């Protein structure tokens, strides 16, 4: 049996999903220390003139990832952070192959962003949706439940 693990990053790269696909069980390490400088709450997307950071606003405290709270009241460019992120992703990738095929499912993730109090819950929801879109059937387990 192959068990792989990784922290639940925000919109993880393809290698994350490749590792997940090759495993029999994939453990999401939500019981490790949150680190502000890593991809647990942020990621970059490619835009016309380079790269754009998308960062989930969180309360900066020293705690495990599963306990980090999202600052829901934060507005970016006059919109809630999660809708700003969706708008940026849609603008950057709307003309790419397969975007329209998956746009509704992706949009649903971001529209539900306000309903998540904790960072890990939102990022794991994103990961689960992306995993399903990719057709990956590997079961996910949160380390905090072990």
N, C-alpha and C. Protein backbone atom coordinates (compact mmCIF):
# COMPACT_ATOMS: atom_id res chain seq x y z
N UNK A 1 0.84 -1.18 0.00
CA UNK A 1 0.00 0.00 0.00
C UNK A 1 0.89 1.24 0.00
N UNK A 2 0.53 2.21 -0.83
CA UNK A 2 1.28 3.46 -0.92
C UNK A 2 0.47 4.56 -0.26
N UNK A 3 1.06 5.17 0.75
CA UNK A 3 0.43 6.30 1.44
C UNK A 3 1.28 7.53 1.16
N UNK A 4 0.66 8.56 0.63
CA UNK A 4 1.35 9.82 0.36
C UNK A 4 0.70 10.90 1.21
N UNK A 5 1.46 11.95 1.50
CA UNK A 5 0.90 13.03 2.30
C UNK A 5 1.45 14.37 1.83
N UNK A 6 0.67 15.39 2.10
CA UNK A 6 1.05 16.74 1.72
C UNK A 6 0.17 17.71 2.51
N UNK A 7 0.69 18.89 2.74
CA UNK A 7 -0.13 19.92 3.37
C UNK A 7 -1.21 20.36 2.38
N UNK A 8 -2.38 20.75 2.87
CA UNK A 8 -3.46 21.17 1.97
C UNK A 8 -3.22 22.58 1.44
N UNK A 9 -2.48 22.68 0.36
CA UNK A 9 -2.16 23.97 -0.24
C UNK A 9 -3.36 24.54 -0.99
N UNK A 10 -3.33 25.85 -1.19
CA UNK A 10 -4.38 26.54 -1.94
C UNK A 10 -4.12 26.37 -3.43
N UNK A 11 -5.05 25.76 -4.13
CA UNK A 11 -4.94 25.51 -5.58
C UNK A 11 -3.58 24.91 -5.94
N UNK A 12 -3.31 23.69 -5.46
CA UNK A 12 -1.98 23.10 -5.63
C UNK A 12 -1.62 22.81 -7.09
N UNK A 13 -0.32 22.66 -7.32
CA UNK A 13 0.24 22.41 -8.65
C UNK A 13 -0.06 20.98 -9.10
N UNK A 14 0.21 20.70 -10.36
CA UNK A 14 -0.10 19.39 -10.93
C UNK A 14 0.65 18.25 -10.26
N UNK A 15 1.88 18.51 -9.79
CA UNK A 15 2.64 17.47 -9.12
C UNK A 15 1.95 16.96 -7.86
N UNK A 16 1.25 17.83 -7.18
CA UNK A 16 0.46 17.47 -6.00
C UNK A 16 -0.57 16.41 -6.39
N UNK A 17 -1.27 16.64 -7.49
CA UNK A 17 -2.31 15.71 -7.92
C UNK A 17 -1.73 14.44 -8.51
N UNK A 18 -0.54 14.53 -9.12
CA UNK A 18 0.13 13.33 -9.61
C UNK A 18 0.49 12.42 -8.43
N UNK A 19 1.04 13.01 -7.38
CA UNK A 19 1.37 12.25 -6.18
C UNK A 19 0.11 11.60 -5.60
N UNK A 20 -0.98 12.35 -5.58
CA UNK A 20 -2.25 11.83 -5.07
C UNK A 20 -2.73 10.65 -5.91
N UNK A 21 -2.65 10.78 -7.22
CA UNK A 21 -3.12 9.73 -8.14
C UNK A 21 -2.33 8.44 -7.98
N UNK A 22 -1.04 8.55 -7.70
CA UNK A 22 -0.18 7.37 -7.58
C UNK A 22 -0.31 6.67 -6.24
N UNK A 23 -0.96 7.30 -5.28
CA UNK A 23 -1.08 6.73 -3.93
C UNK A 23 -2.37 5.92 -3.79
N UNK A 24 -2.35 5.02 -2.81
CA UNK A 24 -3.57 4.28 -2.46
C UNK A 24 -4.41 5.09 -1.47
N UNK A 25 -3.74 5.87 -0.65
CA UNK A 25 -4.39 6.78 0.31
C UNK A 25 -3.57 8.06 0.33
N UNK A 26 -4.26 9.20 0.35
CA UNK A 26 -3.57 10.49 0.39
C UNK A 26 -3.97 11.21 1.66
N UNK A 27 -2.97 11.51 2.50
CA UNK A 27 -3.21 12.17 3.78
C UNK A 27 -2.94 13.66 3.63
N UNK A 28 -3.94 14.46 3.97
CA UNK A 28 -3.80 15.92 3.96
C UNK A 28 -3.33 16.35 5.35
N UNK A 29 -2.11 16.86 5.41
CA UNK A 29 -1.47 17.21 6.69
C UNK A 29 -2.02 18.53 7.23
N UNK A 30 -3.19 18.48 7.83
CA UNK A 30 -3.78 19.70 8.38
C UNK A 30 -3.45 19.88 9.86
N UNK A 31 -2.67 18.96 10.43
CA UNK A 31 -2.31 19.06 11.85
C UNK A 31 -0.87 19.52 12.04
N UNK A 32 -0.30 20.14 11.02
CA UNK A 32 1.05 20.70 11.12
C UNK A 32 0.97 22.21 11.24
N UNK A 33 2.08 22.82 11.60
CA UNK A 33 2.14 24.26 11.82
C UNK A 33 1.86 25.05 10.54
N UNK A 34 1.00 26.04 10.63
CA UNK A 34 0.76 26.96 9.52
C UNK A 34 2.01 27.81 9.32
N UNK A 35 2.39 28.02 8.07
CA UNK A 35 3.55 28.84 7.76
C UNK A 35 3.14 29.90 6.75
N UNK A 36 3.24 31.15 7.14
CA UNK A 36 2.77 32.27 6.34
C UNK A 36 3.48 32.38 4.99
N UNK A 37 4.71 31.95 4.90
CA UNK A 37 5.49 32.13 3.68
C UNK A 37 5.32 31.04 2.64
N UNK A 38 4.48 30.06 2.90
CA UNK A 38 4.33 28.94 1.98
C UNK A 38 2.99 29.00 1.25
N UNK A 39 2.63 27.93 0.57
CA UNK A 39 1.46 27.92 -0.31
C UNK A 39 0.19 27.41 0.38
N UNK A 40 0.17 27.38 1.69
CA UNK A 40 -1.01 26.90 2.40
C UNK A 40 -2.20 27.84 2.22
N UNK A 41 -1.94 29.12 2.03
CA UNK A 41 -3.03 30.09 1.87
C UNK A 41 -2.85 31.00 0.65
N UNK A 42 -1.92 30.64 -0.23
CA UNK A 42 -1.70 31.50 -1.40
C UNK A 42 -1.16 30.67 -2.56
N UNK A 43 -1.29 31.24 -3.74
CA UNK A 43 -0.71 30.63 -4.93
C UNK A 43 -0.64 31.69 -6.02
N UNK A 44 0.07 31.37 -7.08
CA UNK A 44 0.21 32.30 -8.20
C UNK A 44 -0.56 31.76 -9.39
N UNK A 45 -1.12 32.68 -10.17
CA UNK A 45 -1.71 32.31 -11.44
C UNK A 45 -1.01 33.11 -12.53
N UNK A 46 -0.98 32.54 -13.71
CA UNK A 46 -0.35 33.23 -14.84
C UNK A 46 -1.35 34.20 -15.45
N UNK A 47 -0.91 35.45 -15.59
CA UNK A 47 -1.72 36.49 -16.22
C UNK A 47 -0.95 37.04 -17.41
N UNK A 48 -1.57 37.95 -18.15
CA UNK A 48 -0.97 38.46 -19.39
C UNK A 48 0.47 38.94 -19.22
N UNK A 49 0.74 39.65 -18.14
CA UNK A 49 2.07 40.25 -17.98
C UNK A 49 2.92 39.55 -16.92
N UNK A 50 2.70 38.27 -16.71
CA UNK A 50 3.52 37.55 -15.75
C UNK A 50 2.69 36.71 -14.79
N UNK A 51 2.88 36.97 -13.51
CA UNK A 51 2.23 36.19 -12.46
C UNK A 51 1.47 37.10 -11.52
N UNK A 52 0.40 36.56 -10.95
CA UNK A 52 -0.42 37.29 -9.97
C UNK A 52 -0.61 36.39 -8.76
N UNK A 53 -0.31 36.93 -7.57
CA UNK A 53 -0.52 36.19 -6.33
C UNK A 53 -1.98 36.27 -5.93
N UNK A 54 -2.54 35.13 -5.55
CA UNK A 54 -3.86 35.07 -4.93
C UNK A 54 -3.64 34.58 -3.51
N UNK A 55 -4.00 35.40 -2.54
CA UNK A 55 -3.75 35.08 -1.14
C UNK A 55 -5.05 35.11 -0.36
N UNK A 56 -5.33 34.03 0.34
CA UNK A 56 -6.50 33.99 1.22
C UNK A 56 -6.14 34.75 2.48
N UNK A 57 -6.92 35.77 2.85
CA UNK A 57 -6.60 36.53 4.07
C UNK A 57 -6.90 35.68 5.31
N UNK A 58 -5.90 35.51 6.14
CA UNK A 58 -6.07 34.69 7.35
C UNK A 58 -5.60 35.46 8.57
N UNK A 59 -6.09 35.01 9.72
CA UNK A 59 -5.60 35.54 10.98
C UNK A 59 -4.23 34.93 11.22
N UNK A 60 -3.23 35.75 11.37
CA UNK A 60 -1.86 35.29 11.50
C UNK A 60 -1.56 34.90 12.95
N UNK A 61 -1.69 33.64 13.21
CA UNK A 61 -1.40 33.13 14.55
C UNK A 61 -0.57 31.86 14.41
N UNK A 62 0.11 31.51 15.48
CA UNK A 62 0.93 30.30 15.48
C UNK A 62 0.06 29.13 15.90
N UNK A 63 -0.46 28.42 14.92
CA UNK A 63 -1.31 27.28 15.21
C UNK A 63 -1.28 26.30 14.05
N UNK A 64 -1.91 25.17 14.25
CA UNK A 64 -1.99 24.16 13.20
C UNK A 64 -2.90 24.66 12.08
N UNK A 65 -2.66 24.16 10.89
CA UNK A 65 -3.40 24.60 9.72
C UNK A 65 -4.91 24.48 9.93
N UNK A 66 -5.36 23.38 10.55
CA UNK A 66 -6.80 23.17 10.68
C UNK A 66 -7.46 24.21 11.57
N UNK A 67 -6.68 24.96 12.36
CA UNK A 67 -7.24 25.97 13.26
C UNK A 67 -7.13 27.40 12.75
N UNK A 68 -6.45 27.61 11.63
CA UNK A 68 -6.26 28.95 11.08
C UNK A 68 -7.59 29.44 10.51
N UNK A 69 -8.01 30.62 10.94
CA UNK A 69 -9.29 31.17 10.50
C UNK A 69 -9.10 32.13 9.32
N UNK A 70 -10.09 32.12 8.44
CA UNK A 70 -10.12 33.03 7.30
C UNK A 70 -10.74 34.34 7.74
N UNK A 71 -10.15 35.46 7.30
CA UNK A 71 -10.74 36.78 7.55
C UNK A 71 -11.77 37.04 6.45
N UNK A 72 -13.02 36.73 6.75
CA UNK A 72 -14.07 36.81 5.73
C UNK A 72 -14.43 38.23 5.33
N UNK A 73 -14.21 39.19 6.19
CA UNK A 73 -14.63 40.57 5.91
C UNK A 73 -13.70 41.30 4.94
N UNK A 74 -12.59 40.70 4.58
CA UNK A 74 -11.60 41.37 3.72
C UNK A 74 -12.15 41.52 2.30
N UNK A 75 -12.03 42.73 1.78
CA UNK A 75 -12.45 43.05 0.41
C UNK A 75 -11.19 43.31 -0.43
N UNK A 76 -11.19 42.80 -1.65
CA UNK A 76 -10.12 43.06 -2.60
C UNK A 76 -10.76 43.68 -3.84
N UNK A 77 -10.33 44.86 -4.19
CA UNK A 77 -10.90 45.59 -5.33
C UNK A 77 -12.42 45.71 -5.20
N UNK A 78 -12.89 45.93 -3.98
CA UNK A 78 -14.31 46.15 -3.74
C UNK A 78 -15.18 44.90 -3.72
N UNK A 79 -14.57 43.72 -3.73
CA UNK A 79 -15.32 42.47 -3.71
C UNK A 79 -14.79 41.58 -2.59
N UNK A 80 -15.62 40.65 -2.10
CA UNK A 80 -15.11 39.68 -1.13
C UNK A 80 -13.91 38.94 -1.73
N UNK A 81 -12.93 38.59 -0.90
CA UNK A 81 -11.69 38.00 -1.38
C UNK A 81 -11.93 36.81 -2.30
N UNK A 82 -12.88 35.92 -1.95
CA UNK A 82 -13.08 34.70 -2.73
C UNK A 82 -13.66 35.00 -4.11
N UNK A 83 -14.48 36.05 -4.22
CA UNK A 83 -15.02 36.41 -5.54
C UNK A 83 -13.95 37.12 -6.37
N UNK A 84 -13.08 37.89 -5.71
CA UNK A 84 -11.95 38.50 -6.41
C UNK A 84 -11.05 37.40 -7.00
N UNK A 85 -10.78 36.37 -6.20
CA UNK A 85 -9.95 35.26 -6.69
C UNK A 85 -10.62 34.60 -7.90
N UNK A 86 -11.92 34.34 -7.81
CA UNK A 86 -12.62 33.72 -8.94
C UNK A 86 -12.54 34.61 -10.17
N UNK A 87 -12.77 35.91 -10.00
CA UNK A 87 -12.71 36.83 -11.14
C UNK A 87 -11.33 36.81 -11.80
N UNK A 88 -10.28 36.78 -10.98
CA UNK A 88 -8.92 36.75 -11.52
C UNK A 88 -8.65 35.44 -12.28
N UNK A 89 -9.08 34.33 -11.72
CA UNK A 89 -8.90 33.03 -12.38
C UNK A 89 -9.68 32.98 -13.69
N UNK A 90 -10.91 33.44 -13.64
CA UNK A 90 -11.74 33.44 -14.84
C UNK A 90 -11.13 34.32 -15.93
N UNK A 91 -10.67 35.49 -15.55
CA UNK A 91 -10.06 36.40 -16.52
C UNK A 91 -8.78 35.79 -17.12
N UNK A 92 -7.98 35.13 -16.28
CA UNK A 92 -6.70 34.58 -16.73
C UNK A 92 -6.87 33.33 -17.59
N UNK A 93 -7.88 32.52 -17.31
CA UNK A 93 -7.96 31.20 -17.95
C UNK A 93 -9.21 30.94 -18.78
N UNK A 94 -10.06 31.93 -18.95
CA UNK A 94 -11.34 31.73 -19.66
C UNK A 94 -11.17 31.18 -21.07
N UNK A 95 -10.08 31.51 -21.73
CA UNK A 95 -9.88 31.07 -23.12
C UNK A 95 -9.03 29.82 -23.24
N UNK A 96 -8.70 29.19 -22.13
CA UNK A 96 -7.89 27.98 -22.19
C UNK A 96 -8.77 26.77 -22.47
N UNK A 97 -8.17 25.70 -23.03
CA UNK A 97 -8.96 24.49 -23.29
C UNK A 97 -9.57 23.94 -22.00
N UNK A 98 -10.79 23.50 -22.07
CA UNK A 98 -11.52 22.83 -20.99
C UNK A 98 -11.99 23.76 -19.88
N UNK A 99 -11.67 25.06 -19.94
CA UNK A 99 -12.10 25.94 -18.85
C UNK A 99 -13.63 26.00 -18.78
N UNK A 100 -14.27 26.22 -19.91
CA UNK A 100 -15.73 26.34 -19.88
C UNK A 100 -16.39 25.04 -19.43
N UNK A 101 -15.75 23.92 -19.72
CA UNK A 101 -16.28 22.62 -19.31
C UNK A 101 -16.33 22.49 -17.78
N UNK A 102 -15.41 23.14 -17.08
CA UNK A 102 -15.32 23.00 -15.63
C UNK A 102 -15.62 24.29 -14.87
N UNK A 103 -15.94 25.35 -15.58
CA UNK A 103 -16.12 26.66 -14.95
C UNK A 103 -17.21 26.67 -13.89
N UNK A 104 -18.33 26.01 -14.14
CA UNK A 104 -19.43 26.03 -13.16
C UNK A 104 -19.02 25.37 -11.84
N UNK A 105 -18.33 24.24 -11.93
CA UNK A 105 -17.87 23.57 -10.71
C UNK A 105 -16.86 24.42 -9.97
N UNK A 106 -15.94 25.03 -10.72
CA UNK A 106 -14.94 25.89 -10.09
C UNK A 106 -15.59 27.12 -9.47
N UNK A 107 -16.53 27.71 -10.18
CA UNK A 107 -17.21 28.90 -9.66
C UNK A 107 -17.94 28.58 -8.36
N UNK A 108 -18.53 27.40 -8.28
CA UNK A 108 -19.25 26.99 -7.07
C UNK A 108 -18.32 26.96 -5.86
N UNK A 109 -17.09 26.53 -6.07
CA UNK A 109 -16.11 26.51 -4.98
C UNK A 109 -15.91 27.92 -4.44
N UNK A 110 -15.70 28.86 -5.32
CA UNK A 110 -15.41 30.22 -4.89
C UNK A 110 -16.64 30.93 -4.34
N UNK A 111 -17.82 30.63 -4.88
CA UNK A 111 -19.04 31.21 -4.32
C UNK A 111 -19.28 30.70 -2.90
N UNK A 112 -18.80 29.51 -2.59
CA UNK A 112 -18.99 28.97 -1.25
C UNK A 112 -17.89 29.42 -0.29
N UNK A 113 -16.94 30.19 -0.77
CA UNK A 113 -15.80 30.61 0.06
C UNK A 113 -16.19 31.29 1.35
N UNK A 114 -17.27 32.06 1.34
CA UNK A 114 -17.69 32.78 2.54
C UNK A 114 -18.21 31.84 3.63
N UNK A 115 -18.58 30.63 3.27
CA UNK A 115 -19.17 29.72 4.25
C UNK A 115 -18.13 28.93 5.04
N UNK A 116 -16.88 29.11 4.74
CA UNK A 116 -15.82 28.39 5.44
C UNK A 116 -15.15 29.29 6.46
N UNK A 117 -15.12 28.84 7.71
CA UNK A 117 -14.47 29.61 8.77
C UNK A 117 -12.97 29.36 8.80
N UNK A 118 -12.57 28.14 8.49
CA UNK A 118 -11.17 27.75 8.61
C UNK A 118 -10.52 27.52 7.25
N UNK A 119 -9.26 27.90 7.16
CA UNK A 119 -8.48 27.77 5.94
C UNK A 119 -8.45 26.34 5.41
N UNK A 120 -8.15 25.38 6.28
CA UNK A 120 -8.03 23.99 5.83
C UNK A 120 -9.33 23.48 5.22
N UNK A 121 -10.46 23.87 5.79
CA UNK A 121 -11.74 23.41 5.24
C UNK A 121 -11.93 23.91 3.81
N UNK A 122 -11.58 25.17 3.57
CA UNK A 122 -11.73 25.73 2.22
C UNK A 122 -10.74 25.11 1.25
N UNK A 123 -9.46 25.02 1.64
CA UNK A 123 -8.47 24.48 0.71
C UNK A 123 -8.74 23.01 0.41
N UNK A 124 -9.20 22.26 1.40
CA UNK A 124 -9.52 20.85 1.16
C UNK A 124 -10.74 20.72 0.26
N UNK A 125 -11.69 21.62 0.39
CA UNK A 125 -12.84 21.63 -0.53
C UNK A 125 -12.37 21.89 -1.96
N UNK A 126 -11.46 22.85 -2.13
CA UNK A 126 -10.89 23.12 -3.46
C UNK A 126 -10.17 21.89 -4.01
N UNK A 127 -9.34 21.28 -3.18
CA UNK A 127 -8.58 20.10 -3.58
C UNK A 127 -9.53 18.97 -3.98
N UNK A 128 -10.58 18.77 -3.21
CA UNK A 128 -11.54 17.70 -3.50
C UNK A 128 -12.22 17.93 -4.84
N UNK A 129 -12.65 19.16 -5.11
CA UNK A 129 -13.27 19.46 -6.40
C UNK A 129 -12.30 19.24 -7.56
N UNK A 130 -11.06 19.72 -7.41
CA UNK A 130 -10.07 19.56 -8.48
C UNK A 130 -9.72 18.09 -8.69
N UNK A 131 -9.63 17.34 -7.61
CA UNK A 131 -9.38 15.90 -7.68
C UNK A 131 -10.49 15.20 -8.47
N UNK A 132 -11.73 15.57 -8.20
CA UNK A 132 -12.86 14.97 -8.91
C UNK A 132 -12.86 15.35 -10.39
N UNK A 133 -12.56 16.61 -10.68
CA UNK A 133 -12.48 17.05 -12.08
C UNK A 133 -11.42 16.24 -12.83
N UNK A 134 -10.31 15.95 -12.15
CA UNK A 134 -9.22 15.19 -12.78
C UNK A 134 -9.50 13.69 -12.83
N UNK A 135 -10.58 13.25 -12.22
CA UNK A 135 -10.92 11.83 -12.23
C UNK A 135 -10.07 10.99 -11.30
N UNK A 136 -9.51 11.60 -10.28
CA UNK A 136 -8.67 10.88 -9.31
C UNK A 136 -9.58 10.28 -8.24
N UNK A 137 -9.41 8.99 -7.99
CA UNK A 137 -10.29 8.29 -7.04
C UNK A 137 -9.63 7.97 -5.71
N UNK A 138 -8.40 8.38 -5.53
CA UNK A 138 -7.67 8.11 -4.29
C UNK A 138 -8.42 8.72 -3.10
N UNK A 139 -8.66 7.93 -2.05
CA UNK A 139 -9.33 8.49 -0.87
C UNK A 139 -8.44 9.52 -0.16
N UNK A 140 -9.08 10.57 0.37
CA UNK A 140 -8.39 11.61 1.13
C UNK A 140 -8.69 11.42 2.61
N UNK A 141 -7.64 11.61 3.43
CA UNK A 141 -7.79 11.53 4.88
C UNK A 141 -7.10 12.74 5.49
N UNK A 142 -7.76 13.40 6.42
CA UNK A 142 -7.15 14.53 7.13
C UNK A 142 -6.32 13.98 8.29
N UNK A 143 -5.08 14.44 8.42
CA UNK A 143 -4.22 13.94 9.50
C UNK A 143 -4.81 14.25 10.87
N UNK A 144 -5.59 15.30 10.98
CA UNK A 144 -6.19 15.66 12.27
C UNK A 144 -7.23 14.65 12.72
N UNK A 145 -7.66 13.75 11.82
CA UNK A 145 -8.64 12.73 12.21
C UNK A 145 -7.98 11.41 12.58
N UNK A 146 -6.66 11.32 12.45
CA UNK A 146 -5.96 10.06 12.74
C UNK A 146 -5.55 9.97 14.19
